[in-house]
């Protein structure tokens, strides 16, 4: 079923009316940072932030708006690929690349989309980078980097391995990178959407001092801002792994499958096992497989 996300701004009297209309209805009330109210039910999750922004997500988003928001006839249905409606507010979207790749860096990109720019980009080929070819990523990212305000937080393998040895948890590292990129772009009251990868507190605590409306949810790449961030993050990752391959005269493969192990063995044959930390995330199981293949 097609999913939608609708974001609208409610005046103070509209907020009061909205809350009154929900009273006595069969909704599950939730606690969300910076929100005055959040409910789940009837095929939607609806969150009213302290600033008056109402975010409604789910297959029943339009019907919910029509029922519970005064004057709430809104058209914002996502198309067949579950792409969300074009944002009507300035939004920061943040996504990562390289978490599941043995070789290369861990990259996070955050972008800030104004409504006018979002309207311009909507209807194009921007989508979750995992669904796009590398060739298309390189083409799209070149244009996006020029036009879209963005911030990149990146850990190359040597720094990544040091950080992992210190904290021992990839999600902690990711949360730090997301927070770093978001801080570069934030402005008071802005809505921030992150593709959720772990417990929400990981990022929320790192950004608790900022006046932002932080939202985290799975498959957030359906949002144009997060999809744009995913494209730029993937482009950054592809460029980095290409540079490492050229520098070490080995084609370092993406992912963590058998071709990656074989590339690792080739690298070790040329540069020695002790140099693997320059190009790979050593805590992956691939490290032992490379060791075995290398004899």
Protein backbone atom coordinates (compact mmCIF):
# COMPACT_ATOMS: atom_id res chain seq x y z
CA UNK A 1 0.00 0.00 0.00
CA UNK A 2 1.27 3.47 -0.91
CA UNK A 3 2.78 5.40 1.96
CA UNK A 4 2.64 9.18 2.37
CA UNK A 5 4.19 11.76 4.63
CA UNK A 6 2.38 15.06 5.12
CA UNK A 7 3.96 17.98 6.97
CA UNK A 8 1.84 21.03 7.76
CA UNK A 9 2.12 23.98 10.14
CA UNK A 10 -0.75 24.42 12.62
CA UNK A 11 -1.49 27.77 14.30
CA UNK A 12 -2.01 27.75 18.06
CA UNK A 13 -5.79 27.50 17.83
CA UNK A 14 -5.38 24.74 15.23
CA UNK A 15 -3.13 22.81 17.60
CA UNK A 16 -5.72 23.00 20.36
CA UNK A 17 -8.48 21.94 18.00
CA UNK A 18 -6.37 19.03 16.75
CA UNK A 19 -5.71 17.75 20.27
CA UNK A 20 -9.38 18.02 21.19
CA UNK A 21 -10.45 16.05 18.14
CA UNK A 22 -8.12 13.20 19.13
CA UNK A 23 -9.55 12.92 22.65
CA UNK A 24 -11.43 9.67 23.18
CA UNK A 25 -10.18 8.14 19.93
CA UNK A 26 -8.45 4.75 19.83
CA UNK A 27 -4.89 5.98 19.44
CA UNK A 28 -1.71 4.87 21.17
CA UNK A 29 0.03 7.90 22.65
CA UNK A 30 3.82 7.99 22.26
CA UNK A 31 6.68 10.06 23.68
CA UNK A 32 8.77 11.82 21.02
CA UNK A 33 11.56 14.35 21.69
CA UNK A 34 10.50 18.01 21.12
CA UNK A 35 6.88 16.94 20.47
CA UNK A 36 3.82 18.06 22.38
CA UNK A 37 1.86 15.04 21.16
CA UNK A 38 2.40 11.88 19.13
CA UNK A 39 -0.14 9.17 18.35
CA UNK A 40 -0.18 5.89 16.44
CA UNK A 41 -3.20 4.15 14.94
CA UNK A 42 -5.59 4.01 11.98
CA UNK A 43 -2.68 3.32 9.63
CA UNK A 44 -0.72 6.43 10.61
CA UNK A 45 1.77 7.89 13.02
CA UNK A 46 1.10 11.58 13.72
CA UNK A 47 3.47 13.84 15.64
CA UNK A 48 2.77 17.45 16.62
CA UNK A 49 5.98 19.31 17.47
CA UNK A 50 6.21 22.22 19.88
CA UNK A 51 6.72 24.60 16.95
CA UNK A 52 3.32 23.66 15.52
CA UNK A 53 4.59 21.41 12.74
CA UNK A 54 2.42 18.33 12.32
CA UNK A 55 4.03 15.29 10.65
CA UNK A 56 1.64 12.53 9.57
CA UNK A 57 3.06 9.31 8.07
CA UNK A 58 1.40 6.20 6.71
CA UNK A 59 -1.08 4.86 4.20
CA UNK A 60 -3.93 6.68 5.93
CA UNK A 61 -2.21 10.06 6.20
CA UNK A 62 -4.62 12.03 4.00
CA UNK A 63 -7.70 10.53 5.65
CA UNK A 64 -6.27 11.31 9.09
CA UNK A 65 -5.69 14.94 8.10
CA UNK A 66 -9.22 15.21 6.72
CA UNK A 67 -10.72 13.81 9.93
CA UNK A 68 -8.70 15.48 12.65
CA UNK A 69 -7.23 18.70 11.26
CA UNK A 70 -9.55 21.65 10.85
CA UNK A 71 -9.73 22.57 7.17
CA UNK A 72 -7.40 19.65 6.47
CA UNK A 73 -7.90 18.78 2.82
CA UNK A 74 -4.32 18.06 1.73
CA UNK A 75 -3.08 16.27 -1.38
CA UNK A 76 0.22 14.57 -0.64
CA UNK A 77 0.05 10.96 -1.76
CA UNK A 78 3.33 9.26 -2.67
CA UNK A 79 3.57 7.58 -6.09
CA UNK A 80 3.91 3.88 -6.78
CA UNK A 81 7.53 3.67 -5.62
CA UNK A 82 6.41 4.99 -2.21
CA UNK A 83 8.09 8.33 -2.82
CA UNK A 84 6.83 10.97 -0.44
CA UNK A 85 5.16 14.19 -1.40
CA UNK A 86 7.48 17.12 -2.13
CA UNK A 87 8.41 18.75 1.21
CA UNK A 88 6.62 22.01 2.00
CA UNK A 89 9.08 23.03 4.71
CA UNK A 90 12.83 23.42 4.90
CA UNK A 91 14.15 20.00 5.86
CA UNK A 92 17.48 18.41 6.71
CA UNK A 93 17.83 14.81 5.59
CA UNK A 94 20.74 12.58 6.65
CA UNK A 95 21.88 9.16 5.44
CA UNK A 96 25.02 7.02 5.42
CA UNK A 97 27.04 4.78 3.11
CA UNK A 98 29.78 2.22 3.68
CA UNK A 99 28.43 0.57 6.84
CA UNK A 100 28.21 -2.81 5.14
CA UNK A 101 31.34 -2.44 3.00
CA UNK A 102 34.60 -4.04 4.12
CA UNK A 103 36.75 -1.70 2.07
CA UNK A 104 36.57 2.07 2.08
CA UNK A 105 35.30 4.72 4.50
CA UNK A 106 32.14 5.16 6.49
CA UNK A 107 30.36 8.23 5.15
CA UNK A 108 27.41 10.29 6.36
CA UNK A 109 25.88 13.10 4.35
CA UNK A 110 23.27 15.60 5.51
CA UNK A 111 21.51 17.94 3.08
CA UNK A 112 19.26 20.95 3.65
CA UNK A 113 16.39 21.30 1.18
CA UNK A 114 14.38 24.49 0.89
CA UNK A 115 10.84 23.95 -0.51
CA UNK A 116 11.70 25.71 -3.77
CA UNK A 117 14.73 23.51 -4.38
CA UNK A 118 12.78 20.40 -3.37
CA UNK A 119 10.11 21.28 -5.91
CA UNK A 120 12.79 21.67 -8.55
CA UNK A 121 14.33 18.26 -7.76
CA UNK A 122 11.07 16.35 -7.39
CA UNK A 123 10.01 14.22 -10.31
CA UNK A 124 13.63 13.55 -11.26
CA UNK A 125 15.73 10.43 -10.84
CA UNK A 126 16.80 10.98 -7.24
CA UNK A 127 16.04 7.91 -5.14
CA UNK A 128 17.57 5.69 -2.49
CA UNK A 129 21.15 5.27 -3.74
CA UNK A 130 20.96 1.49 -3.23
CA UNK A 131 18.48 1.37 -6.14
CA UNK A 132 20.70 3.36 -8.54
CA UNK A 133 23.68 2.34 -10.66
CA UNK A 134 27.11 3.69 -9.82
CA UNK A 135 27.16 5.51 -13.17
CA UNK A 136 23.91 7.32 -12.41
CA UNK A 137 25.09 8.13 -8.88
CA UNK A 138 28.17 9.87 -10.26
CA UNK A 139 26.05 11.86 -12.73
CA UNK A 140 23.43 12.93 -10.18
CA UNK A 141 25.87 13.71 -7.39
CA UNK A 142 27.90 16.11 -9.51
CA UNK A 143 24.86 18.32 -10.02
CA UNK A 144 23.55 17.90 -6.48
CA UNK A 145 26.83 18.89 -4.85
CA UNK A 146 26.73 22.20 -6.74
CA UNK A 147 23.11 23.06 -5.94
CA UNK A 148 22.22 21.51 -2.60
CA UNK A 149 23.64 22.71 0.75
CA UNK A 150 25.25 19.62 2.27
CA UNK A 151 27.74 18.45 4.87
CA UNK A 152 29.80 15.28 4.80
CA UNK A 153 31.24 13.46 7.81
CA UNK A 154 33.67 10.70 6.82
CA UNK A 155 35.94 8.22 8.55
CA UNK A 156 38.58 6.64 6.34
CA UNK A 157 39.72 3.13 7.31
CA UNK A 158 42.69 4.07 9.56
CA UNK A 159 40.57 6.53 11.58
CA UNK A 160 37.59 4.15 11.49
CA UNK A 161 39.66 1.28 12.90
CA UNK A 162 41.01 3.50 15.67
CA UNK A 163 37.52 4.68 16.56
CA UNK A 164 36.08 1.17 16.51
CA UNK A 165 38.86 -0.01 18.80
CA UNK A 166 37.90 2.80 21.19
CA UNK A 167 34.08 2.42 21.24
CA UNK A 168 33.52 -1.10 19.90
CA UNK A 169 30.18 -0.26 18.30
CA UNK A 170 29.46 0.79 14.72
CA UNK A 171 26.17 2.48 15.60
CA UNK A 172 27.91 4.73 18.13
CA UNK A 173 30.32 5.79 15.40
CA UNK A 174 27.47 6.36 12.94
CA UNK A 175 25.58 8.47 15.46
CA UNK A 176 28.65 10.68 15.92
CA UNK A 177 28.95 11.17 12.15
CA UNK A 178 25.25 11.97 11.70
CA UNK A 179 25.39 14.48 14.53
CA UNK A 180 28.50 16.11 13.08
CA UNK A 181 26.95 16.55 9.63
CA UNK A 182 23.60 17.78 10.97
CA UNK A 183 25.29 20.37 13.19
CA UNK A 184 26.93 21.94 10.15
CA UNK A 185 23.55 22.63 8.53
CA UNK A 186 21.08 23.13 11.35
CA UNK A 187 19.16 26.31 12.07
CA UNK A 188 16.72 26.98 14.93
CA UNK A 189 13.45 25.07 14.67
CA UNK A 190 14.40 23.10 11.55
CA UNK A 191 12.96 19.63 10.99
CA UNK A 192 15.62 16.91 10.71
CA UNK A 193 14.91 13.46 9.26
CA UNK A 194 17.38 10.59 9.67
CA UNK A 195 17.17 7.09 8.24
CA UNK A 196 16.92 5.16 11.52
CA UNK A 197 19.63 2.55 12.02
CA UNK A 198 19.56 1.92 15.80
CA UNK A 199 17.99 3.20 19.01
CA UNK A 200 16.77 6.77 18.56
CA UNK A 201 18.58 7.94 21.70
CA UNK A 202 21.96 7.49 20.02
CA UNK A 203 21.47 10.54 17.81
CA UNK A 204 18.93 12.34 19.99
CA UNK A 205 21.34 12.65 22.92
CA UNK A 206 24.09 13.96 20.65
CA UNK A 207 21.83 16.71 19.34
CA UNK A 208 19.87 17.44 22.51
CA UNK A 209 21.37 20.92 22.85
CA UNK A 210 20.07 22.02 19.42
CA UNK A 211 16.69 23.64 18.77
CA UNK A 212 15.61 21.13 16.11
CA UNK A 213 12.74 18.74 15.49
CA UNK A 214 14.44 15.38 15.14
CA UNK A 215 12.62 12.53 13.45
CA UNK A 216 14.06 9.07 12.84
CA UNK A 217 12.36 6.30 10.92
CA UNK A 218 13.24 3.21 8.84
CA UNK A 219 13.31 3.52 5.03
CA UNK A 220 13.45 7.30 5.26
CA UNK A 221 15.09 7.34 1.81
CA UNK A 222 11.54 7.64 0.44
CA UNK A 223 11.87 11.28 1.51
CA UNK A 224 13.49 13.49 -1.13
CA UNK A 225 15.94 15.10 1.30
CA UNK A 226 17.17 11.77 2.67
CA UNK A 227 17.36 10.29 -0.83
CA UNK A 228 19.47 13.26 -1.93
CA UNK A 229 21.75 12.73 1.07
CA UNK A 230 22.06 9.04 0.21
CA UNK A 231 23.14 9.85 -3.36
CA UNK A 232 25.86 12.27 -2.24
CA UNK A 233 27.04 9.89 0.50
CA UNK A 234 27.29 7.06 -2.03
CA UNK A 235 29.18 9.27 -4.43
CA UNK A 236 31.65 10.17 -1.68
CA UNK A 237 32.13 6.49 -0.87
CA UNK A 238 32.61 5.49 -4.52
CA UNK A 239 35.21 8.21 -5.02
CA UNK A 240 37.10 7.13 -1.92
CA UNK A 241 37.20 3.43 -2.79
CA UNK A 242 38.31 4.29 -6.32
CA UNK A 243 41.17 6.38 -4.96
CA UNK A 244 42.24 3.59 -2.60
CA UNK A 245 42.15 1.08 -5.45
CA UNK A 246 44.35 3.27 -7.64
CA UNK A 247 46.75 4.05 -4.83
CA UNK A 248 47.31 0.38 -3.99
CA UNK A 249 46.99 -1.11 -7.50
CA UNK A 250 44.17 -3.45 -6.43
CA UNK A 251 40.50 -3.29 -7.37
CA UNK A 252 38.91 -3.05 -3.94
CA UNK A 253 35.41 -4.44 -4.28
CA UNK A 254 32.22 -3.11 -2.69
CA UNK A 255 30.21 -5.06 -0.12
CA UNK A 256 31.49 -7.95 2.00
CA UNK A 257 31.13 -11.07 -0.17
CA UNK A 258 33.57 -13.54 -1.71
CA UNK A 259 34.95 -11.08 -4.34
CA UNK A 260 35.88 -8.80 -1.44
CA UNK A 261 37.82 -11.60 0.27
CA UNK A 262 39.68 -12.31 -2.95
CA UNK A 263 40.54 -8.64 -3.40
CA UNK A 264 41.76 -8.59 0.20
CA UNK A 265 44.04 -11.54 -0.43
CA UNK A 266 45.42 -9.80 -3.51
CA UNK A 267 46.04 -6.66 -1.47
CA UNK A 268 47.85 -8.62 1.25
CA UNK A 269 49.99 -10.33 -1.37
CA UNK A 270 51.16 -6.93 -2.61
CA UNK A 271 51.34 -4.88 0.57
CA UNK A 272 51.35 -7.28 3.52
CA UNK A 273 48.69 -8.10 6.09
CA UNK A 274 49.74 -5.25 8.39
CA UNK A 275 48.75 -2.73 5.69
CA UNK A 276 45.16 -3.98 5.50
CA UNK A 277 44.09 -1.38 8.08
CA UNK A 278 44.77 1.33 5.49
CA UNK A 279 41.90 0.17 3.27
CA UNK A 280 39.58 -2.09 5.29
CA UNK A 281 37.34 -2.15 8.36
CA UNK A 282 39.22 -4.76 10.34
CA UNK A 283 36.43 -5.89 12.68
CA UNK A 284 34.52 -7.44 9.75
CA UNK A 285 34.66 -11.24 9.50
CA UNK A 286 36.30 -10.74 6.12
CA UNK A 287 39.60 -10.06 7.87
CA UNK A 288 39.94 -13.67 9.01
CA UNK A 289 38.85 -14.92 5.60
CA UNK A 290 41.52 -12.77 3.96
CA UNK A 291 44.08 -14.09 6.42
CA UNK A 292 43.10 -17.66 5.53
CA UNK A 293 43.22 -17.02 1.78
CA UNK A 294 46.60 -15.35 2.13
CA UNK A 295 48.10 -18.36 3.84
